[in-house]
Amino acid sequence: MGNYLNNLILRLPQLEECKNDISNAYDLLKETFENGNKLLLCGNGGSASDCDHIVGELMKGFKLDRTMSVDDKKKLKEIDYELGGIIGNNLQGALPAISLSNNNVLQTACVNDMPPELVFAQQVNGYGKAGDTILCISTSGKSKNIINAAITAKFKGLKVIGLTCSRDNDLMRYCDICIGVPETETYKIQELHMPIYHCLCMMLEKRFFG
């Protein structure tokens, strides 16, 4: 897995200072999935789209072929030979990940019935189980709904990974691992977040489907 991370640092030398944190985040995510647990993700604005992007890379093929095993294809055919064959030939391996940023019905219900800064915390309370991990993405590290999600995650027994900036911020206080990229402007922070999470997704895909 080191090749992916080393290549990332070669392309973006400014991320050298984040290398250990990225590696530690990978180890935690690997352990999460190995133990049959899931990843929750939350963010606002552009970071919300990053959450959805990450889910897309984890829940289906990213760079590698994730075809089902021969045994699984056989079991599907035993249920329905024709349809099971189609399903088995097309389904891809997945790593369970849920973005908390894209359920408009639930979000608006939460905002209508409780303080809006609890919109992610309520979902963590419902989805989160001990052994799961949450990835909290915040370019400032100050977003109240992200902070509340992290606090609730700790309460529920989840591990917390933060993806933020290099400035000291509130989110860092609640993270088991925090990746703070060496930028302070929002768009520049976001430009460094993407290659980091792409690297993590590639490493995880290699581990579980390589």
N, C-alpha and C. Protein backbone atom coordinates (compact mmCIF):
# COMPACT_ATOMS: atom_id res chain seq x y z
N MET A 1 0.82 -1.21 0.00
CA MET A 1 0.00 0.00 0.00
C MET A 1 0.86 1.26 0.00
N GLY A 2 2.10 1.09 0.42
CA GLY A 2 2.98 2.25 0.49
C GLY A 2 3.23 2.91 -0.85
N ASN A 3 3.13 2.13 -1.94
CA ASN A 3 3.36 2.71 -3.25
C ASN A 3 2.36 3.81 -3.56
N TYR A 4 1.10 3.58 -3.22
CA TYR A 4 0.07 4.59 -3.47
C TYR A 4 0.39 5.87 -2.70
N LEU A 5 0.76 5.70 -1.43
CA LEU A 5 1.03 6.86 -0.60
C LEU A 5 2.31 7.57 -1.05
N ASN A 6 3.33 6.81 -1.39
CA ASN A 6 4.57 7.43 -1.87
C ASN A 6 4.34 8.19 -3.16
N ASN A 7 3.52 7.63 -4.05
CA ASN A 7 3.21 8.32 -5.30
C ASN A 7 2.44 9.61 -5.05
N LEU A 8 1.56 9.58 -4.05
CA LEU A 8 0.83 10.79 -3.68
C LEU A 8 1.80 11.88 -3.24
N ILE A 9 2.77 11.54 -2.41
CA ILE A 9 3.73 12.52 -1.91
C ILE A 9 4.64 13.01 -3.03
N LEU A 10 4.98 12.13 -3.97
CA LEU A 10 5.78 12.57 -5.11
C LEU A 10 5.04 13.61 -5.94
N ARG A 11 3.75 13.40 -6.12
CA ARG A 11 2.95 14.35 -6.91
C ARG A 11 2.67 15.63 -6.15
N LEU A 12 2.48 15.50 -4.83
CA LEU A 12 2.11 16.65 -4.01
C LEU A 12 3.02 16.68 -2.78
N PRO A 13 4.26 17.17 -2.94
CA PRO A 13 5.23 17.11 -1.83
C PRO A 13 4.77 17.84 -0.57
N GLN A 14 3.87 18.79 -0.72
CA GLN A 14 3.40 19.52 0.46
C GLN A 14 2.62 18.63 1.42
N LEU A 15 2.22 17.44 0.95
CA LEU A 15 1.48 16.52 1.81
C LEU A 15 2.39 15.61 2.62
N GLU A 16 3.69 15.79 2.52
CA GLU A 16 4.64 15.00 3.29
C GLU A 16 4.31 15.05 4.78
N GLU A 17 3.93 16.23 5.26
CA GLU A 17 3.64 16.37 6.68
C GLU A 17 2.38 15.62 7.11
N CYS A 18 1.55 15.23 6.15
CA CYS A 18 0.33 14.47 6.44
C CYS A 18 0.51 12.97 6.26
N LYS A 19 1.69 12.54 5.83
CA LYS A 19 1.89 11.16 5.42
C LYS A 19 1.54 10.17 6.53
N ASN A 20 2.02 10.39 7.73
CA ASN A 20 1.75 9.45 8.82
C ASN A 20 0.26 9.40 9.16
N ASP A 21 -0.39 10.56 9.13
CA ASP A 21 -1.82 10.60 9.44
C ASP A 21 -2.63 9.87 8.37
N ILE A 22 -2.25 10.02 7.11
CA ILE A 22 -2.94 9.31 6.03
C ILE A 22 -2.75 7.80 6.21
N SER A 23 -1.53 7.39 6.52
CA SER A 23 -1.25 5.98 6.74
C SER A 23 -2.06 5.43 7.91
N ASN A 24 -2.13 6.20 8.99
CA ASN A 24 -2.90 5.77 10.16
C ASN A 24 -4.39 5.70 9.85
N ALA A 25 -4.88 6.64 9.04
CA ALA A 25 -6.28 6.62 8.64
C ALA A 25 -6.58 5.37 7.83
N TYR A 26 -5.67 5.01 6.93
CA TYR A 26 -5.84 3.78 6.16
C TYR A 26 -5.91 2.57 7.09
N ASP A 27 -4.99 2.48 8.05
CA ASP A 27 -4.98 1.34 8.97
C ASP A 27 -6.30 1.24 9.73
N LEU A 28 -6.84 2.38 10.16
CA LEU A 28 -8.09 2.37 10.90
C LEU A 28 -9.25 1.95 10.01
N LEU A 29 -9.30 2.45 8.79
CA LEU A 29 -10.37 2.08 7.87
C LEU A 29 -10.28 0.60 7.49
N LYS A 30 -9.06 0.14 7.28
CA LYS A 30 -8.86 -1.29 6.98
C LYS A 30 -9.41 -2.15 8.12
N GLU A 31 -9.07 -1.79 9.33
CA GLU A 31 -9.56 -2.54 10.49
C GLU A 31 -11.08 -2.48 10.59
N THR A 32 -11.64 -1.31 10.31
CA THR A 32 -13.10 -1.14 10.35
C THR A 32 -13.78 -2.13 9.41
N PHE A 33 -13.32 -2.18 8.17
CA PHE A 33 -13.95 -3.06 7.18
C PHE A 33 -13.63 -4.53 7.43
N GLU A 34 -12.43 -4.81 7.88
CA GLU A 34 -12.08 -6.20 8.21
C GLU A 34 -12.99 -6.77 9.29
N ASN A 35 -13.41 -5.92 10.20
CA ASN A 35 -14.25 -6.37 11.32
C ASN A 35 -15.74 -6.35 10.99
N GLY A 36 -16.07 -6.09 9.73
CA GLY A 36 -17.46 -6.11 9.31
C GLY A 36 -18.24 -4.85 9.67
N ASN A 37 -17.52 -3.79 9.95
CA ASN A 37 -18.18 -2.52 10.29
C ASN A 37 -18.24 -1.61 9.07
N LYS A 38 -18.77 -0.41 9.26
CA LYS A 38 -19.01 0.50 8.15
C LYS A 38 -18.40 1.87 8.41
N LEU A 39 -18.41 2.66 7.34
CA LEU A 39 -17.91 4.03 7.39
C LEU A 39 -19.07 4.99 7.19
N LEU A 40 -19.20 5.95 8.09
CA LEU A 40 -20.12 7.08 7.92
C LEU A 40 -19.30 8.29 7.51
N LEU A 41 -19.91 9.21 6.76
CA LEU A 41 -19.20 10.41 6.31
C LEU A 41 -20.12 11.61 6.43
N CYS A 42 -19.55 12.76 6.82
CA CYS A 42 -20.35 13.99 6.84
C CYS A 42 -19.50 15.19 6.48
N GLY A 43 -20.15 16.15 5.85
CA GLY A 43 -19.49 17.38 5.44
C GLY A 43 -20.53 18.36 4.93
N ASN A 44 -20.16 19.62 4.78
CA ASN A 44 -21.05 20.66 4.29
C ASN A 44 -20.57 21.20 2.95
N GLY A 45 -21.51 21.59 2.09
CA GLY A 45 -21.13 22.24 0.83
C GLY A 45 -20.27 21.34 -0.03
N GLY A 46 -19.10 21.85 -0.43
CA GLY A 46 -18.18 21.06 -1.24
C GLY A 46 -17.74 19.79 -0.52
N SER A 47 -17.63 19.86 0.79
CA SER A 47 -17.24 18.67 1.56
C SER A 47 -18.34 17.63 1.57
N ALA A 48 -19.60 18.07 1.44
CA ALA A 48 -20.70 17.11 1.30
C ALA A 48 -20.57 16.34 -0.01
N SER A 49 -20.19 17.05 -1.06
CA SER A 49 -20.00 16.36 -2.34
C SER A 49 -18.81 15.41 -2.26
N ASP A 50 -17.80 15.76 -1.49
CA ASP A 50 -16.67 14.85 -1.27
C ASP A 50 -17.14 13.57 -0.58
N CYS A 51 -18.03 13.71 0.38
CA CYS A 51 -18.57 12.52 1.07
C CYS A 51 -19.25 11.59 0.07
N ASP A 52 -20.09 12.16 -0.78
CA ASP A 52 -20.78 11.34 -1.79
C ASP A 52 -19.78 10.72 -2.76
N HIS A 53 -18.75 11.48 -3.11
CA HIS A 53 -17.70 10.99 -4.02
C HIS A 53 -17.00 9.78 -3.42
N ILE A 54 -16.65 9.86 -2.16
CA ILE A 54 -15.95 8.76 -1.49
C ILE A 54 -16.83 7.52 -1.45
N VAL A 55 -18.11 7.70 -1.13
CA VAL A 55 -19.04 6.56 -1.12
C VAL A 55 -19.06 5.89 -2.48
N GLY A 56 -19.06 6.69 -3.54
CA GLY A 56 -19.05 6.13 -4.88
C GLY A 56 -17.82 5.29 -5.18
N GLU A 57 -16.68 5.69 -4.64
CA GLU A 57 -15.44 4.93 -4.87
C GLU A 57 -15.39 3.65 -4.04
N LEU A 58 -16.03 3.66 -2.87
CA LEU A 58 -15.96 2.50 -1.98
C LEU A 58 -17.05 1.46 -2.25
N MET A 59 -18.22 1.91 -2.67
CA MET A 59 -19.37 1.02 -2.79
C MET A 59 -19.44 0.27 -4.13
N LYS A 60 -18.54 0.60 -5.05
CA LYS A 60 -18.46 -0.13 -6.31
C LYS A 60 -17.02 -0.04 -6.80
N GLY A 61 -16.73 -0.64 -7.94
CA GLY A 61 -15.38 -0.63 -8.46
C GLY A 61 -14.84 0.77 -8.68
N PHE A 62 -13.60 0.99 -8.32
CA PHE A 62 -12.92 2.27 -8.52
C PHE A 62 -11.88 2.09 -9.63
N LYS A 63 -10.77 1.47 -9.32
CA LYS A 63 -9.74 1.20 -10.33
C LYS A 63 -9.56 -0.28 -10.62
N LEU A 64 -10.03 -1.13 -9.73
CA LEU A 64 -9.82 -2.57 -9.88
C LEU A 64 -11.12 -3.30 -10.21
N ASP A 65 -10.97 -4.48 -10.76
CA ASP A 65 -12.11 -5.35 -11.05
C ASP A 65 -12.58 -5.96 -9.73
N ARG A 66 -13.85 -5.82 -9.43
CA ARG A 66 -14.40 -6.37 -8.17
C ARG A 66 -15.47 -7.42 -8.45
N THR A 67 -15.25 -8.28 -9.40
CA THR A 67 -16.25 -9.28 -9.76
C THR A 67 -16.50 -10.24 -8.59
N MET A 68 -17.69 -10.79 -8.56
CA MET A 68 -18.07 -11.71 -7.50
C MET A 68 -17.32 -13.03 -7.65
N SER A 69 -17.21 -13.73 -6.54
CA SER A 69 -16.53 -15.02 -6.56
C SER A 69 -17.38 -16.06 -7.30
N VAL A 70 -16.74 -17.13 -7.72
CA VAL A 70 -17.45 -18.22 -8.40
C VAL A 70 -18.52 -18.80 -7.48
N ASP A 71 -18.19 -18.97 -6.20
CA ASP A 71 -19.16 -19.53 -5.25
C ASP A 71 -20.39 -18.63 -5.11
N ASP A 72 -20.16 -17.31 -5.03
CA ASP A 72 -21.29 -16.39 -4.90
C ASP A 72 -22.16 -16.38 -6.15
N LYS A 73 -21.52 -16.44 -7.30
CA LYS A 73 -22.29 -16.52 -8.55
C LYS A 73 -23.15 -17.79 -8.58
N LYS A 74 -22.58 -18.88 -8.09
CA LYS A 74 -23.31 -20.15 -8.06
C LYS A 74 -24.52 -20.05 -7.14
N LYS A 75 -24.36 -19.43 -5.97
CA LYS A 75 -25.47 -19.30 -5.02
C LYS A 75 -26.60 -18.46 -5.61
N LEU A 76 -26.24 -17.41 -6.34
CA LEU A 76 -27.26 -16.58 -6.97
C LEU A 76 -28.03 -17.37 -8.02
N LYS A 77 -27.34 -18.19 -8.79
CA LYS A 77 -28.00 -19.00 -9.81
C LYS A 77 -28.92 -20.04 -9.19
N GLU A 78 -28.56 -20.49 -7.99
CA GLU A 78 -29.41 -21.46 -7.30
C GLU A 78 -30.74 -20.84 -6.88
N ILE A 79 -30.74 -19.53 -6.66
CA ILE A 79 -31.97 -18.82 -6.31
C ILE A 79 -32.82 -18.61 -7.55
N ASP A 80 -32.19 -18.12 -8.61
CA ASP A 80 -32.87 -17.94 -9.90
C ASP A 80 -31.80 -18.04 -10.98
N TYR A 81 -31.88 -19.09 -11.78
CA TYR A 81 -30.78 -19.36 -12.71
C TYR A 81 -30.56 -18.20 -13.68
N GLU A 82 -31.63 -17.70 -14.29
CA GLU A 82 -31.46 -16.64 -15.29
C GLU A 82 -31.12 -15.30 -14.66
N LEU A 83 -31.97 -14.83 -13.74
CA LEU A 83 -31.74 -13.53 -13.12
C LEU A 83 -30.53 -13.55 -12.19
N GLY A 84 -30.36 -14.65 -11.48
CA GLY A 84 -29.18 -14.77 -10.63
C GLY A 84 -27.90 -14.73 -11.42
N GLY A 85 -27.93 -15.31 -12.63
CA GLY A 85 -26.76 -15.26 -13.49
C GLY A 85 -26.43 -13.84 -13.91
N ILE A 86 -27.47 -13.07 -14.26
CA ILE A 86 -27.26 -11.67 -14.65
C ILE A 86 -26.71 -10.86 -13.47
N ILE A 87 -27.33 -11.07 -12.32
CA ILE A 87 -26.88 -10.33 -11.13
C ILE A 87 -25.44 -10.70 -10.79
N GLY A 88 -25.14 -11.98 -10.76
CA GLY A 88 -23.80 -12.42 -10.39
C GLY A 88 -22.72 -11.96 -11.34
N ASN A 89 -23.08 -11.81 -12.61
CA ASN A 89 -22.09 -11.37 -13.60
C ASN A 89 -21.86 -9.87 -13.58
N ASN A 90 -22.68 -9.14 -12.85
CA ASN A 90 -22.58 -7.68 -12.89
C ASN A 90 -22.36 -7.00 -11.55
N LEU A 91 -22.79 -7.65 -10.45
CA LEU A 91 -22.55 -7.03 -9.15
C LEU A 91 -21.05 -6.89 -8.88
N GLN A 92 -20.70 -5.84 -8.14
CA GLN A 92 -19.30 -5.57 -7.79
C GLN A 92 -19.14 -5.59 -6.27
N GLY A 93 -17.96 -5.96 -5.83
CA GLY A 93 -17.67 -5.93 -4.41
C GLY A 93 -17.78 -4.52 -3.86
N ALA A 94 -18.21 -4.41 -2.60
CA ALA A 94 -18.43 -3.10 -1.99
C ALA A 94 -17.88 -3.04 -0.58
N LEU A 95 -17.45 -1.85 -0.20
CA LEU A 95 -17.08 -1.56 1.19
C LEU A 95 -18.16 -0.63 1.74
N PRO A 96 -18.85 -1.03 2.81
CA PRO A 96 -20.04 -0.31 3.26
C PRO A 96 -19.74 1.11 3.76
N ALA A 97 -20.33 2.09 3.09
CA ALA A 97 -20.11 3.50 3.41
C ALA A 97 -21.40 4.26 3.19
N ILE A 98 -21.73 5.16 4.11
CA ILE A 98 -22.96 5.93 4.05
C ILE A 98 -22.64 7.42 4.21
N SER A 99 -23.04 8.21 3.24
CA SER A 99 -22.92 9.67 3.35
C SER A 99 -24.12 10.21 4.11
N LEU A 100 -23.88 10.98 5.15
CA LEU A 100 -24.96 11.58 5.94
C LEU A 100 -25.43 12.90 5.34
N SER A 101 -24.86 13.27 4.20
CA SER A 101 -25.09 14.61 3.65
C SER A 101 -26.13 14.64 2.54
N ASN A 102 -26.72 13.49 2.17
CA ASN A 102 -27.54 13.51 0.96
C ASN A 102 -28.98 13.02 1.15
N ASN A 103 -29.44 12.83 2.38
CA ASN A 103 -30.81 12.40 2.62
C ASN A 103 -31.66 13.63 2.94
N ASN A 104 -32.22 14.24 1.89
CA ASN A 104 -32.93 15.51 2.08
C ASN A 104 -34.16 15.38 2.96
N VAL A 105 -34.88 14.28 2.83
CA VAL A 105 -36.10 14.11 3.62
C VAL A 105 -35.76 14.04 5.11
N LEU A 106 -34.79 13.20 5.45
CA LEU A 106 -34.40 13.06 6.85
C LEU A 106 -33.78 14.35 7.37
N GLN A 107 -32.95 14.99 6.56
CA GLN A 107 -32.30 16.23 7.00
C GLN A 107 -33.33 17.32 7.30
N THR A 108 -34.30 17.49 6.41
CA THR A 108 -35.30 18.53 6.65
C THR A 108 -36.20 18.19 7.83
N ALA A 109 -36.45 16.90 8.04
CA ALA A 109 -37.23 16.50 9.22
C ALA A 109 -36.47 16.84 10.49
N CYS A 110 -35.17 16.57 10.48
CA CYS A 110 -34.34 16.90 11.65
C CYS A 110 -34.32 18.40 11.91
N VAL A 111 -34.08 19.16 10.85
CA VAL A 111 -33.99 20.62 10.99
C VAL A 111 -35.32 21.20 11.48
N ASN A 112 -36.42 20.57 11.10
CA ASN A 112 -37.74 21.06 11.50
C ASN A 112 -38.04 20.78 12.96
N ASP A 113 -37.45 19.72 13.50
CA ASP A 113 -37.83 19.25 14.83
C ASP A 113 -36.78 19.46 15.92
N MET A 114 -35.58 19.84 15.53
CA MET A 114 -34.50 19.99 16.51
C MET A 114 -33.54 21.07 16.03
N PRO A 115 -32.60 21.50 16.86
CA PRO A 115 -31.62 22.48 16.40
C PRO A 115 -30.91 21.98 15.14
N PRO A 116 -30.80 22.82 14.11
CA PRO A 116 -30.25 22.35 12.83
C PRO A 116 -28.82 21.83 12.91
N GLU A 117 -28.07 22.27 13.91
CA GLU A 117 -26.69 21.80 14.02
C GLU A 117 -26.60 20.35 14.51
N LEU A 118 -27.75 19.71 14.74
CA LEU A 118 -27.78 18.30 15.14
C LEU A 118 -28.15 17.37 13.98
N VAL A 119 -28.17 17.92 12.76
CA VAL A 119 -28.66 17.14 11.61
C VAL A 119 -27.80 15.91 11.35
N PHE A 120 -26.50 15.99 11.56
CA PHE A 120 -25.64 14.82 11.38
C PHE A 120 -25.57 13.98 12.64
N ALA A 121 -25.60 14.63 13.79
CA ALA A 121 -25.55 13.90 15.05
C ALA A 121 -26.71 12.92 15.17
N GLN A 122 -27.91 13.33 14.73
CA GLN A 122 -29.06 12.44 14.80
C GLN A 122 -28.85 11.20 13.94
N GLN A 123 -28.25 11.38 12.78
CA GLN A 123 -28.00 10.23 11.90
C GLN A 123 -26.91 9.32 12.47
N VAL A 124 -25.90 9.91 13.09
CA VAL A 124 -24.88 9.09 13.75
C VAL A 124 -25.52 8.28 14.87
N ASN A 125 -26.44 8.90 15.59
CA ASN A 125 -27.13 8.20 16.67
C ASN A 125 -27.93 7.01 16.14
N GLY A 126 -28.48 7.15 14.93
CA GLY A 126 -29.29 6.09 14.36
C GLY A 126 -28.50 5.02 13.64
N TYR A 127 -27.50 5.44 12.86
CA TYR A 127 -26.73 4.50 12.05
C TYR A 127 -25.52 3.92 12.79
N GLY A 128 -24.93 4.70 13.68
CA GLY A 128 -23.63 4.35 14.23
C GLY A 128 -23.67 3.21 15.23
N LYS A 129 -22.71 2.32 15.09
CA LYS A 129 -22.52 1.21 16.03
C LYS A 129 -21.06 1.19 16.47
N ALA A 130 -20.82 0.70 17.66
CA ALA A 130 -19.44 0.58 18.15
C ALA A 130 -18.63 -0.24 17.15
N GLY A 131 -17.47 0.26 16.81
CA GLY A 131 -16.62 -0.40 15.82
C GLY A 131 -16.68 0.26 14.46
N ASP A 132 -17.73 1.06 14.20
CA ASP A 132 -17.80 1.83 12.97
C ASP A 132 -16.80 2.99 13.04
N THR A 133 -16.60 3.63 11.90
CA THR A 133 -15.76 4.83 11.83
C THR A 133 -16.53 5.93 11.12
N ILE A 134 -16.31 7.16 11.53
CA ILE A 134 -16.89 8.30 10.82
C ILE A 134 -15.76 9.18 10.29
N LEU A 135 -15.91 9.61 9.05
CA LEU A 135 -15.00 10.57 8.44
C LEU A 135 -15.69 11.92 8.43
N CYS A 136 -15.18 12.85 9.19
CA CYS A 136 -15.73 14.20 9.28
C CYS A 136 -14.87 15.14 8.44
N ILE A 137 -15.46 15.71 7.39
CA ILE A 137 -14.73 16.58 6.49
C ILE A 137 -15.16 18.02 6.73
N SER A 138 -14.22 18.88 7.09
CA SER A 138 -14.51 20.29 7.32
C SER A 138 -13.27 21.11 6.99
N THR A 139 -13.39 22.02 6.03
CA THR A 139 -12.22 22.82 5.65
C THR A 139 -11.80 23.76 6.78
N SER A 140 -12.75 24.17 7.62
CA SER A 140 -12.43 25.07 8.73
C SER A 140 -12.19 24.33 10.03
N GLY A 141 -12.84 23.17 10.18
CA GLY A 141 -12.79 22.45 11.45
C GLY A 141 -13.64 23.09 12.52
N LYS A 142 -14.52 24.01 12.11
CA LYS A 142 -15.33 24.75 13.08
C LYS A 142 -16.83 24.53 12.91
N SER A 143 -17.24 23.79 11.90
CA SER A 143 -18.67 23.63 11.62
C SER A 143 -19.36 22.92 12.79
N LYS A 144 -20.40 23.56 13.33
CA LYS A 144 -21.05 23.02 14.52
C LYS A 144 -21.69 21.66 14.26
N ASN A 145 -22.29 21.48 13.08
CA ASN A 145 -22.95 20.19 12.83
C ASN A 145 -21.93 19.06 12.69
N ILE A 146 -20.73 19.39 12.22
CA ILE A 146 -19.67 18.39 12.13
C ILE A 146 -19.12 18.07 13.52
N ILE A 147 -18.91 19.09 14.32
CA ILE A 147 -18.42 18.89 15.69
C ILE A 147 -19.40 18.03 16.48
N ASN A 148 -20.69 18.33 16.36
CA ASN A 148 -21.71 17.55 17.08
C ASN A 148 -21.75 16.11 16.62
N ALA A 149 -21.52 15.90 15.32
CA ALA A 149 -21.47 14.52 14.81
C ALA A 149 -20.30 13.77 15.41
N ALA A 150 -19.14 14.44 15.51
CA ALA A 150 -17.95 13.81 16.07
C ALA A 150 -18.15 13.46 17.55
N ILE A 151 -18.76 14.38 18.29
CA ILE A 151 -19.02 14.13 19.71
C ILE A 151 -19.97 12.95 19.88
N THR A 152 -21.03 12.92 19.07
CA THR A 152 -21.99 11.83 19.15
C THR A 152 -21.35 10.50 18.75
N ALA A 153 -20.47 10.57 17.77
CA ALA A 153 -19.76 9.36 17.35
C ALA A 153 -18.91 8.79 18.49
N LYS A 154 -18.21 9.66 19.20
CA LYS A 154 -17.41 9.19 20.34
C LYS A 154 -18.32 8.55 21.39
N PHE A 155 -19.46 9.17 21.62
CA PHE A 155 -20.44 8.64 22.58
C PHE A 155 -20.92 7.25 22.18
N LYS A 156 -21.09 7.01 20.88
CA LYS A 156 -21.61 5.75 20.36
C LYS A 156 -20.54 4.68 20.20
N GLY A 157 -19.28 5.04 20.41
CA GLY A 157 -18.20 4.06 20.29
C GLY A 157 -17.58 3.98 18.92
N LEU A 158 -17.79 5.01 18.09
CA LEU A 158 -17.16 5.06 16.77
C LEU A 158 -15.78 5.68 16.87
N LYS A 159 -14.91 5.35 15.93
CA LYS A 159 -13.65 6.06 15.76
C LYS A 159 -13.89 7.25 14.83
N VAL A 160 -13.16 8.32 15.05
CA VAL A 160 -13.37 9.56 14.29
C VAL A 160 -12.10 9.92 13.53
N ILE A 161 -12.24 10.06 12.21
CA ILE A 161 -11.17 10.58 11.37
C ILE A 161 -11.59 11.96 10.91
N GLY A 162 -10.72 12.93 11.05
CA GLY A 162 -10.99 14.27 10.56
C GLY A 162 -10.17 14.56 9.32
N LEU A 163 -10.78 15.25 8.37
CA LEU A 163 -10.08 15.74 7.18
C LEU A 163 -10.35 17.23 7.13
N THR A 164 -9.30 18.02 7.41
CA THR A 164 -9.50 19.45 7.63
C THR A 164 -8.27 20.23 7.16
N CYS A 165 -8.04 21.38 7.78
CA CYS A 165 -6.92 22.25 7.41
C CYS A 165 -5.81 22.13 8.45
N SER A 166 -4.75 22.91 8.24
CA SER A 166 -3.60 22.82 9.14
C SER A 166 -3.75 23.67 10.39
N ARG A 167 -4.71 24.61 10.40
CA ARG A 167 -4.90 25.44 11.58
C ARG A 167 -5.45 24.62 12.74
N ASP A 168 -5.07 24.99 13.96
CA ASP A 168 -5.71 24.39 15.12
C ASP A 168 -7.21 24.69 15.06
N ASN A 169 -8.05 23.68 15.30
CA ASN A 169 -9.48 23.90 15.23
C ASN A 169 -10.20 22.93 16.16
N ASP A 170 -11.49 23.17 16.32
CA ASP A 170 -12.28 22.40 17.28
C ASP A 170 -12.39 20.93 16.90
N LEU A 171 -12.51 20.65 15.60
CA LEU A 171 -12.69 19.26 15.16
C LEU A 171 -11.54 18.38 15.63
N MET A 172 -10.33 18.89 15.61
CA MET A 172 -9.15 18.11 15.98
C MET A 172 -9.28 17.51 17.37
N ARG A 173 -10.00 18.19 18.25
CA ARG A 173 -10.11 17.75 19.65
C ARG A 173 -10.83 16.41 19.77
N TYR A 174 -11.67 16.10 18.81
CA TYR A 174 -12.51 14.91 18.93
C TYR A 174 -12.08 13.78 17.99
N CYS A 175 -10.98 13.97 17.29
CA CYS A 175 -10.55 12.98 16.29
C CYS A 175 -9.57 11.98 16.89
N ASP A 176 -9.72 10.72 16.51
CA ASP A 176 -8.70 9.73 16.80
C ASP A 176 -7.52 9.92 15.86
N ILE A 177 -7.82 10.31 14.62
CA ILE A 177 -6.81 10.63 13.62
C ILE A 177 -7.30 11.87 12.88
N CYS A 178 -6.43 12.84 12.71
CA CYS A 178 -6.83 14.05 12.01
C CYS A 178 -5.81 14.37 10.92
N ILE A 179 -6.28 14.48 9.69
CA ILE A 179 -5.44 14.85 8.55
C ILE A 179 -5.69 16.32 8.27
N GLY A 180 -4.74 17.15 8.63
CA GLY A 180 -4.86 18.59 8.41
C GLY A 180 -3.93 19.04 7.30
N VAL A 181 -4.48 19.36 6.15
CA VAL A 181 -3.65 19.70 4.99
C VAL A 181 -3.08 21.11 5.14
N PRO A 182 -1.87 21.33 4.58
CA PRO A 182 -1.16 22.61 4.80
C PRO A 182 -1.67 23.74 3.90
N GLU A 183 -2.93 24.08 4.04
CA GLU A 183 -3.53 25.22 3.35
C GLU A 183 -4.53 25.86 4.29
N THR A 184 -4.89 27.11 4.01
CA THR A 184 -5.85 27.82 4.86
C THR A 184 -7.05 28.36 4.07
N GLU A 185 -6.95 28.47 2.75
CA GLU A 185 -8.06 28.93 1.94
C GLU A 185 -8.93 27.73 1.55
N THR A 186 -10.24 27.93 1.60
CA THR A 186 -11.18 26.81 1.42
C THR A 186 -10.91 26.03 0.14
N TYR A 187 -10.84 26.71 -0.99
CA TYR A 187 -10.71 25.96 -2.25
C TYR A 187 -9.37 25.24 -2.34
N LYS A 188 -8.33 25.80 -1.75
CA LYS A 188 -7.02 25.14 -1.76
C LYS A 188 -7.02 23.92 -0.83
N ILE A 189 -7.72 24.03 0.28
CA ILE A 189 -7.87 22.87 1.17
C ILE A 189 -8.59 21.75 0.45
N GLN A 190 -9.69 22.10 -0.24
CA GLN A 190 -10.46 21.09 -0.97
C GLN A 190 -9.64 20.44 -2.08
N GLU A 191 -8.77 21.22 -2.71
CA GLU A 191 -7.92 20.68 -3.78
C GLU A 191 -6.94 19.63 -3.26
N LEU A 192 -6.61 19.69 -1.98
CA LEU A 192 -5.73 18.68 -1.38
C LEU A 192 -6.51 17.53 -0.75
N HIS A 193 -7.75 17.79 -0.36
CA HIS A 193 -8.56 16.71 0.21
C HIS A 193 -8.80 15.60 -0.81
N MET A 194 -9.12 15.97 -2.04
CA MET A 194 -9.48 14.95 -3.03
C MET A 194 -8.37 13.94 -3.28
N PRO A 195 -7.12 14.35 -3.56
CA PRO A 195 -6.10 13.33 -3.78
C PRO A 195 -5.84 12.46 -2.55
N ILE A 196 -6.06 13.00 -1.36
CA ILE A 196 -5.89 12.19 -0.15
C ILE A 196 -6.95 11.10 -0.08
N TYR A 197 -8.20 11.46 -0.29
CA TYR A 197 -9.22 10.41 -0.17
C TYR A 197 -9.20 9.46 -1.36
N HIS A 198 -8.75 9.94 -2.52
CA HIS A 198 -8.55 9.00 -3.63
C HIS A 198 -7.47 7.98 -3.28
N CYS A 199 -6.40 8.43 -2.66
CA CYS A 199 -5.32 7.54 -2.24
C CYS A 199 -5.84 6.51 -1.25
N LEU A 200 -6.60 6.95 -0.26
CA LEU A 200 -7.16 6.03 0.73
C LEU A 200 -8.08 5.00 0.06
N CYS A 201 -8.90 5.46 -0.87
CA CYS A 201 -9.82 4.54 -1.55
C CYS A 201 -9.05 3.51 -2.38
N MET A 202 -7.99 3.95 -3.05
CA MET A 202 -7.19 3.01 -3.85
C MET A 202 -6.51 1.99 -2.96
N MET A 203 -5.99 2.43 -1.82
CA MET A 203 -5.33 1.49 -0.91
C MET A 203 -6.32 0.47 -0.35
N LEU A 204 -7.50 0.93 0.00
CA LEU A 204 -8.51 0.03 0.54
C LEU A 204 -8.99 -0.94 -0.53
N GLU A 205 -9.18 -0.45 -1.74
CA GLU A 205 -9.61 -1.34 -2.81
C GLU A 205 -8.55 -2.42 -3.09
N LYS A 206 -7.30 -2.01 -3.07
CA LYS A 206 -6.23 -2.98 -3.28
C LYS A 206 -6.22 -4.03 -2.18
N ARG A 207 -6.42 -3.59 -0.95
CA ARG A 207 -6.41 -4.53 0.19
C ARG A 207 -7.54 -5.56 0.10
N PHE A 208 -8.75 -5.11 -0.25
CA PHE A 208 -9.90 -6.01 -0.19
C PHE A 208 -10.25 -6.67 -1.53
N PHE A 209 -9.80 -6.10 -2.62
CA PHE A 209 -10.19 -6.64 -3.93
C PHE A 209 -9.02 -6.86 -4.87
N GLY A 210 -7.80 -6.60 -4.40
CA GLY A 210 -6.64 -6.73 -5.26
C GLY A 210 -6.21 -8.18 -5.43
